[in-house]
Amino acid sequence: MRAMQIPSDHPLLLSIVDDLAACGWSQQNIFLPEALTLELAAECRKRAAEGELAPAAVGRGPTQEIREGIRGDHIQWIEPGQAEASDTYLGLMDSLREALNRGLFLGLEDFECHFAMFPSGAFYKRHVDRFRDDDRRMVSAVIYLNSQWLPEHGGQLRMYLKDQGQYDVLPVGGQLVVFLSGEVPHEVLPATRERLSLTGWFRRRGNEPF
């Protein structure tokens, strides 16, 4: 499992590139092996137990604030070298970054991501992932880490798509959802159990003044 970086022309990655080109989003029901999904879920829970996940803020920079009426997840950003499982995931995402650059010429320079834990009943209201004053986020990628998730558990990712209208994704473990960060409004619906994911963004060089 450990050498998980795959060629950027792998059929699974090319399928994501094709989906983004055609409709601006992609859903891959089986992206991660079950063993790696379980390792990442265990890593997320370990960090939560150690108090490392903090309530997520809305906005960025000096305007950031905790607003539980908008979002209720707890997060911790991932850095290389923290854990073997997350390093493996970062390697996979770098392969996808190369595939996106090759197929869509997006000029993606890096990938940032965090663990996200939604306690039972928590939600994240409708939003887009690109900040109004920072255009670096180009492509969003969410991998779900939940075992034995059933429809009655809720917690759907609800996307508002231009051509298809409202589309819901159950947060089933090992599943990847990718979409254009500035073009797909979305929200997270409340769940009846704890909901885990790794949420990240592929970024280009931006026009940020600082």
C-alpha atoms as a PDB file:
ATOM      1  CA  MET A   1       0.000   0.000   0.000  1.00  0.00           C
ATOM      2  CA  ARG A   2       2.825   2.376   0.774  1.00  0.00           C
ATOM      3  CA  ALA A   3       3.978   3.325  -2.724  1.00  0.00           C
ATOM      4  CA  MET A   4       0.553   4.755  -3.514  1.00  0.00           C
ATOM      5  CA  GLN A   5       1.610   7.489  -5.902  1.00  0.00           C
ATOM      6  CA  ILE A   6       0.245   6.358  -9.255  1.00  0.00           C
ATOM      7  CA  PRO A   7       1.021   7.534 -12.786  1.00  0.00           C
ATOM      8  CA  SER A   8      -0.768  10.718 -13.815  1.00  0.00           C
ATOM      9  CA  ASP A   9      -2.128   8.856 -16.849  1.00  0.00           C
ATOM     10  CA  HIS A  10      -3.844   6.208 -14.690  1.00  0.00           C
ATOM     11  CA  PRO A  11      -7.393   5.555 -16.065  1.00  0.00           C
ATOM     12  CA  LEU A  12      -8.998   6.544 -12.757  1.00  0.00           C
ATOM     13  CA  LEU A  13      -7.304   9.940 -12.810  1.00  0.00           C
ATOM     14  CA  LEU A  14      -8.071  10.464 -16.493  1.00  0.00           C
ATOM     15  CA  SER A  15     -11.736   9.752 -15.753  1.00  0.00           C
ATOM     16  CA  ILE A  16     -11.734  12.577 -13.193  1.00  0.00           C
ATOM     17  CA  VAL A  17     -10.090  14.930 -15.690  1.00  0.00           C
ATOM     18  CA  ASP A  18     -12.694  14.050 -18.336  1.00  0.00           C
ATOM     19  CA  ASP A  19     -15.564  14.593 -15.894  1.00  0.00           C
ATOM     20  CA  LEU A  20     -14.258  18.015 -14.847  1.00  0.00           C
ATOM     21  CA  ALA A  21     -13.848  19.054 -18.479  1.00  0.00           C
ATOM     22  CA  ALA A  22     -17.363  17.908 -19.347  1.00  0.00           C
ATOM     23  CA  CYS A  23     -19.425  19.032 -16.358  1.00  0.00           C
ATOM     24  CA  GLY A  24     -17.190  20.593 -13.687  1.00  0.00           C
ATOM     25  CA  TRP A  25     -17.380  17.748 -11.142  1.00  0.00           C
ATOM     26  CA  SER A  26     -16.605  14.056 -10.687  1.00  0.00           C
ATOM     27  CA  GLN A  27     -17.714  11.306  -8.308  1.00  0.00           C
ATOM     28  CA  GLN A  28     -15.536   8.191  -7.903  1.00  0.00           C
ATOM     29  CA  ASN A  29     -17.343   5.664  -5.718  1.00  0.00           C
ATOM     30  CA  ILE A  30     -14.215   3.580  -5.056  1.00  0.00           C
ATOM     31  CA  PHE A  31     -11.077   5.701  -5.007  1.00  0.00           C
ATOM     32  CA  LEU A  32      -9.153   4.569  -1.916  1.00  0.00           C
ATOM     33  CA  PRO A  33      -8.502   0.975  -0.807  1.00  0.00           C
ATOM     34  CA  GLU A  34     -10.476   0.050   2.290  1.00  0.00           C
ATOM     35  CA  ALA A  35      -7.312  -0.427   4.369  1.00  0.00           C
ATOM     36  CA  LEU A  36      -6.066   3.101   3.657  1.00  0.00           C
ATOM     37  CA  THR A  37      -9.534   4.555   4.286  1.00  0.00           C
ATOM     38  CA  LEU A  38      -9.598   2.876   7.705  1.00  0.00           C
ATOM     39  CA  GLU A  39      -6.077   4.118   8.511  1.00  0.00           C
ATOM     40  CA  LEU A  40      -7.023   7.691   7.651  1.00  0.00           C
ATOM     41  CA  ALA A  41     -10.200   7.458   9.728  1.00  0.00           C
ATOM     42  CA  ALA A  42      -8.159   6.159  12.672  1.00  0.00           C
ATOM     43  CA  GLU A  43      -5.687   9.012  12.246  1.00  0.00           C
ATOM     44  CA  CYS A  44      -8.533  11.549  12.251  1.00  0.00           C
ATOM     45  CA  ARG A  45     -10.040  10.054  15.430  1.00  0.00           C
ATOM     46  CA  LYS A  46      -6.623   9.916  17.105  1.00  0.00           C
ATOM     47  CA  ARG A  47      -6.084  13.625  16.446  1.00  0.00           C
ATOM     48  CA  ALA A  48      -9.573  14.399  17.713  1.00  0.00           C
ATOM     49  CA  ALA A  49      -8.981  12.393  20.905  1.00  0.00           C
ATOM     50  CA  GLU A  50      -5.753  14.313  21.490  1.00  0.00           C
ATOM     51  CA  GLY A  51      -7.582  17.617  21.139  1.00  0.00           C
ATOM     52  CA  GLU A  52      -5.884  18.615  17.903  1.00  0.00           C
ATOM     53  CA  LEU A  53      -9.062  19.231  15.872  1.00  0.00           C
ATOM     54  CA  ALA A  54     -10.412  22.739  16.387  1.00  0.00           C
ATOM     55  CA  PRO A  55     -13.762  24.322  15.419  1.00  0.00           C
ATOM     56  CA  ALA A  56     -13.545  25.511  11.826  1.00  0.00           C
ATOM     57  CA  ALA A  57     -13.806  29.209  11.078  1.00  0.00           C
ATOM     58  CA  VAL A  58     -15.663  31.062   8.342  1.00  0.00           C
ATOM     59  CA  GLY A  59     -13.695  33.447   6.136  1.00  0.00           C
ATOM     60  CA  ARG A  60      -9.930  33.836   6.182  1.00  0.00           C
ATOM     61  CA  GLY A  61      -7.181  36.015   7.559  1.00  0.00           C
ATOM     62  CA  PRO A  62      -8.178  38.710  10.074  1.00  0.00           C
ATOM     63  CA  THR A  63     -11.882  38.301   9.215  1.00  0.00           C
ATOM     64  CA  GLN A  64     -12.032  34.646  10.307  1.00  0.00           C
ATOM     65  CA  GLU A  65     -14.595  33.803  12.955  1.00  0.00           C
ATOM     66  CA  ILE A  66     -16.271  30.731  14.445  1.00  0.00           C
ATOM     67  CA  ARG A  67     -19.935  30.717  13.410  1.00  0.00           C
ATOM     68  CA  GLU A  68     -21.677  27.500  14.395  1.00  0.00           C
ATOM     69  CA  GLY A  69     -24.841  28.668  12.656  1.00  0.00           C
ATOM     70  CA  ILE A  70     -22.963  28.344   9.351  1.00  0.00           C
ATOM     71  CA  ARG A  71     -20.570  25.428   9.913  1.00  0.00           C
ATOM     72  CA  GLY A  72     -20.054  22.995  12.775  1.00  0.00           C
ATOM     73  CA  ASP A  73     -17.096  20.854  11.777  1.00  0.00           C
ATOM     74  CA  HIS A  74     -13.797  20.460  13.593  1.00  0.00           C
ATOM     75  CA  ILE A  75     -10.629  20.414  11.497  1.00  0.00           C
ATOM     76  CA  GLN A  76      -6.870  20.038  11.485  1.00  0.00           C
ATOM     77  CA  TRP A  77      -4.663  20.854   8.514  1.00  0.00           C
ATOM     78  CA  ILE A  78      -2.335  18.122   7.268  1.00  0.00           C
ATOM     79  CA  GLU A  79       1.375  18.609   6.743  1.00  0.00           C
ATOM     80  CA  PRO A  80       3.802  16.127   5.104  1.00  0.00           C
ATOM     81  CA  GLY A  81       5.610  13.858   7.532  1.00  0.00           C
ATOM     82  CA  GLN A  82       2.911  13.758  10.221  1.00  0.00           C
ATOM     83  CA  ALA A  83       1.608  10.235   9.557  1.00  0.00           C
ATOM     84  CA  GLU A  84       2.216   7.489   7.018  1.00  0.00           C
ATOM     85  CA  ALA A  85      -1.421   7.235   5.956  1.00  0.00           C
ATOM     86  CA  SER A  86      -1.827  10.953   5.285  1.00  0.00           C
ATOM     87  CA  ASP A  87       1.519  11.040   3.438  1.00  0.00           C
ATOM     88  CA  THR A  88       0.213   8.250   1.216  1.00  0.00           C
ATOM     89  CA  TYR A  89      -2.944  10.251   0.504  1.00  0.00           C
ATOM     90  CA  LEU A  90      -0.928  13.383  -0.293  1.00  0.00           C
ATOM     91  CA  GLY A  91       1.076  11.323  -2.803  1.00  0.00           C
ATOM     92  CA  LEU A  92      -2.124  10.242  -4.542  1.00  0.00           C
ATOM     93  CA  MET A  93      -3.367  13.805  -4.684  1.00  0.00           C
ATOM     94  CA  ASP A  94      -0.093  14.947  -6.225  1.00  0.00           C
ATOM     95  CA  SER A  95      -0.620  12.386  -8.980  1.00  0.00           C
ATOM     96  CA  LEU A  96      -4.095  13.821  -9.536  1.00  0.00           C
ATOM     97  CA  ARG A  97      -2.643  17.355  -9.580  1.00  0.00           C
ATOM     98  CA  GLU A  98      -0.278  16.330 -12.378  1.00  0.00           C
ATOM     99  CA  ALA A  99      -3.146  14.733 -14.302  1.00  0.00           C
ATOM    100  CA  LEU A 100      -5.299  17.867 -13.955  1.00  0.00           C
ATOM    101  CA  ASN A 101      -2.466  20.074 -15.157  1.00  0.00           C
ATOM    102  CA  ARG A 102      -1.737  17.816 -18.106  1.00  0.00           C
ATOM    103  CA  GLY A 103      -5.363  17.468 -19.156  1.00  0.00           C
ATOM    104  CA  LEU A 104      -6.853  20.860 -18.282  1.00  0.00           C
ATOM    105  CA  PHE A 105      -3.819  23.225 -18.193  1.00  0.00           C
ATOM    106  CA  LEU A 106      -4.861  24.641 -14.808  1.00  0.00           C
ATOM    107  CA  GLY A 107      -1.370  25.520 -13.573  1.00  0.00           C
ATOM    108  CA  LEU A 108      -1.995  23.881 -10.193  1.00  0.00           C
ATOM    109  CA  GLU A 109       1.002  24.374  -7.914  1.00  0.00           C
ATOM    110  CA  ASP A 110       0.044  22.673  -4.675  1.00  0.00           C
ATOM    111  CA  PHE A 111      -2.619  20.894  -2.632  1.00  0.00           C
ATOM    112  CA  GLU A 112      -3.805  21.832   0.847  1.00  0.00           C
ATOM    113  CA  CYS A 113      -6.141  19.669   2.917  1.00  0.00           C
ATOM    114  CA  HIS A 114      -7.479  19.049   6.391  1.00  0.00           C
ATOM    115  CA  PHE A 115      -9.255  16.371   8.346  1.00  0.00           C
ATOM    116  CA  ALA A 116     -12.876  17.334   9.010  1.00  0.00           C
ATOM    117  CA  MET A 117     -15.041  15.797  11.705  1.00  0.00           C
ATOM    118  CA  PHE A 118     -18.714  16.738  11.847  1.00  0.00           C
ATOM    119  CA  PRO A 119     -20.285  15.759  15.175  1.00  0.00           C
ATOM    120  CA  SER A 120     -23.798  14.327  15.017  1.00  0.00           C
ATOM    121  CA  GLY A 121     -26.196  17.107  14.000  1.00  0.00           C
ATOM    122  CA  ALA A 122     -23.485  19.433  12.638  1.00  0.00           C
ATOM    123  CA  PHE A 123     -23.769  20.974   9.161  1.00  0.00           C
ATOM    124  CA  TYR A 124     -22.176  23.470   6.787  1.00  0.00           C
ATOM    125  CA  LYS A 125     -24.531  25.847   4.995  1.00  0.00           C
ATOM    126  CA  ARG A 126     -24.420  26.524   1.262  1.00  0.00           C
ATOM    127  CA  HIS A 127     -21.175  28.146   0.087  1.00  0.00           C
ATOM    128  CA  VAL A 128     -18.481  28.060  -2.591  1.00  0.00           C
ATOM    129  CA  ASP A 129     -14.883  27.138  -1.799  1.00  0.00           C
ATOM    130  CA  ARG A 130     -13.090  30.007  -3.524  1.00  0.00           C
ATOM    131  CA  PHE A 131     -12.621  33.134  -1.413  1.00  0.00           C
ATOM    132  CA  ARG A 132     -13.760  36.422  -2.907  1.00  0.00           C
ATOM    133  CA  ASP A 133     -10.342  38.012  -2.285  1.00  0.00           C
ATOM    134  CA  ASP A 134      -8.153  34.987  -3.135  1.00  0.00           C
ATOM    135  CA  ASP A 135      -8.519  33.129  -6.441  1.00  0.00           C
ATOM    136  CA  ARG A 136      -5.959  30.381  -5.837  1.00  0.00           C
ATOM    137  CA  ARG A 137      -8.362  27.521  -5.102  1.00  0.00           C
ATOM    138  CA  MET A 138      -9.233  25.904  -8.409  1.00  0.00           C
ATOM    139  CA  VAL A 139     -10.357  22.329  -7.720  1.00  0.00           C
ATOM    140  CA  SER A 140     -11.889  20.919  -4.522  1.00  0.00           C
ATOM    141  CA  ALA A 141     -11.396  17.276  -3.516  1.00  0.00           C
ATOM    142  CA  VAL A 142     -13.230  15.464  -0.700  1.00  0.00           C
ATOM    143  CA  ILE A 143     -12.514  11.879   0.327  1.00  0.00           C
ATOM    144  CA  TYR A 144     -14.902  10.235   2.791  1.00  0.00           C
ATOM    145  CA  LEU A 145     -13.676   8.072   5.680  1.00  0.00           C
ATOM    146  CA  ASN A 146     -16.946   6.644   7.040  1.00  0.00           C
ATOM    147  CA  SER A 147     -17.509   2.898   7.433  1.00  0.00           C
ATOM    148  CA  GLN A 148     -20.939   1.348   6.835  1.00  0.00           C
ATOM    149  CA  TRP A 149     -22.683   4.639   6.072  1.00  0.00           C
ATOM    150  CA  LEU A 150     -26.395   4.268   5.311  1.00  0.00           C
ATOM    151  CA  PRO A 151     -28.851   6.719   3.685  1.00  0.00           C
ATOM    152  CA  GLU A 152     -30.724   7.131   6.968  1.00  0.00           C
ATOM    153  CA  HIS A 153     -27.526   8.504   8.557  1.00  0.00           C
ATOM    154  CA  GLY A 154     -27.857  11.679   6.446  1.00  0.00           C
ATOM    155  CA  GLY A 155     -24.759  13.876   6.130  1.00  0.00           C
ATOM    156  CA  GLN A 156     -25.011  14.241   2.366  1.00  0.00           C
ATOM    157  CA  LEU A 157     -22.868  16.596   0.353  1.00  0.00           C
ATOM    158  CA  ARG A 158     -25.479  18.572  -1.587  1.00  0.00           C
ATOM    159  CA  MET A 159     -24.153  20.190  -4.758  1.00  0.00           C
ATOM    160  CA  TYR A 160     -26.056  22.768  -6.786  1.00  0.00           C
ATOM    161  CA  LEU A 161     -25.160  22.004 -10.397  1.00  0.00           C
ATOM    162  CA  LYS A 162     -25.922  24.248 -13.344  1.00  0.00           C
ATOM    163  CA  ASP A 163     -27.259  21.528 -15.620  1.00  0.00           C
ATOM    164  CA  GLN A 164     -28.571  18.931 -13.168  1.00  0.00           C
ATOM    165  CA  GLY A 165     -29.863  21.045 -10.321  1.00  0.00           C
ATOM    166  CA  GLN A 166     -29.495  19.645  -6.815  1.00  0.00           C
ATOM    167  CA  TYR A 167     -27.375  16.486  -6.455  1.00  0.00           C
ATOM    168  CA  ASP A 168     -26.681  14.631  -3.186  1.00  0.00           C
ATOM    169  CA  VAL A 169     -23.671  12.431  -2.385  1.00  0.00           C
ATOM    170  CA  LEU A 170     -23.693  10.082   0.606  1.00  0.00           C
ATOM    171  CA  PRO A 171     -20.351  10.272   2.477  1.00  0.00           C
ATOM    172  CA  VAL A 172     -19.446   6.607   1.970  1.00  0.00           C
ATOM    173  CA  GLY A 173     -15.911   5.586   2.954  1.00  0.00           C
ATOM    174  CA  GLY A 174     -13.341   5.498   0.133  1.00  0.00           C
ATOM    175  CA  GLN A 175     -15.432   7.702  -2.171  1.00  0.00           C
ATOM    176  CA  LEU A 176     -13.917  10.798  -3.798  1.00  0.00           C
ATOM    177  CA  VAL A 177     -15.791  13.879  -4.994  1.00  0.00           C
ATOM    178  CA  VAL A 178     -13.943  16.502  -7.060  1.00  0.00           C
ATOM    179  CA  PHE A 179     -15.393  19.781  -8.363  1.00  0.00           C
ATOM    180  CA  LEU A 180     -14.390  23.235  -9.597  1.00  0.00           C
ATOM    181  CA  SER A 181     -13.987  25.338  -6.467  1.00  0.00           C
ATOM    182  CA  GLY A 182     -15.427  28.589  -7.781  1.00  0.00           C
ATOM    183  CA  GLU A 183     -18.337  27.165  -9.742  1.00  0.00           C
ATOM    184  CA  VAL A 184     -20.160  24.582  -7.600  1.00  0.00           C
ATOM    185  CA  PRO A 185     -22.125  25.866  -4.603  1.00  0.00           C
ATOM    186  CA  HIS A 186     -22.588  23.112  -2.034  1.00  0.00           C
ATOM    187  CA  GLU A 187     -23.514  22.342   1.556  1.00  0.00           C
ATOM    188  CA  VAL A 188     -23.179  19.529   4.098  1.00  0.00           C
ATOM    189  CA  LEU A 189     -26.459  18.267   5.552  1.00  0.00           C
ATOM    190  CA  PRO A 190     -26.754  17.214   9.223  1.00  0.00           C
ATOM    191  CA  ALA A 191     -26.019  13.580  10.037  1.00  0.00           C
ATOM    192  CA  THR A 192     -27.192  11.312  12.835  1.00  0.00           C
ATOM    193  CA  ARG A 193     -23.655  10.048  13.500  1.00  0.00           C
ATOM    194  CA  GLU A 194     -20.106  11.371  13.407  1.00  0.00           C
ATOM    195  CA  ARG A 195     -18.989  12.161   9.852  1.00  0.00           C
ATOM    196  CA  LEU A 196     -15.318  12.089   8.793  1.00  0.00           C
ATOM    197  CA  SER A 197     -13.596  13.338   5.647  1.00  0.00           C
ATOM    198  CA  LEU A 198     -10.404  14.748   4.214  1.00  0.00           C
ATOM    199  CA  THR A 199     -11.218  17.989   2.429  1.00  0.00           C
ATOM    200  CA  GLY A 200      -8.693  19.722   0.203  1.00  0.00           C
ATOM    201  CA  TRP A 201      -8.021  22.158  -2.609  1.00  0.00           C
ATOM    202  CA  PHE A 202      -5.686  22.201  -5.572  1.00  0.00           C
ATOM    203  CA  ARG A 203      -4.316  25.722  -5.898  1.00  0.00           C
ATOM    204  CA  ARG A 204      -2.708  27.788  -8.623  1.00  0.00           C
ATOM    205  CA  ARG A 205      -0.494  30.811  -8.177  1.00  0.00           C
ATOM    206  CA  GLY A 206      -2.897  33.605  -7.310  1.00  0.00           C
ATOM    207  CA  ASN A 207      -3.312  37.356  -7.360  1.00  0.00           C
ATOM    208  CA  GLU A 208      -3.087  37.675  -3.604  1.00  0.00           C
ATOM    209  CA  PRO A 209      -1.245  40.898  -2.687  1.00  0.00           C
ATOM    210  CA  PHE A 210       0.504  39.491   0.403  1.00  0.00           C
END
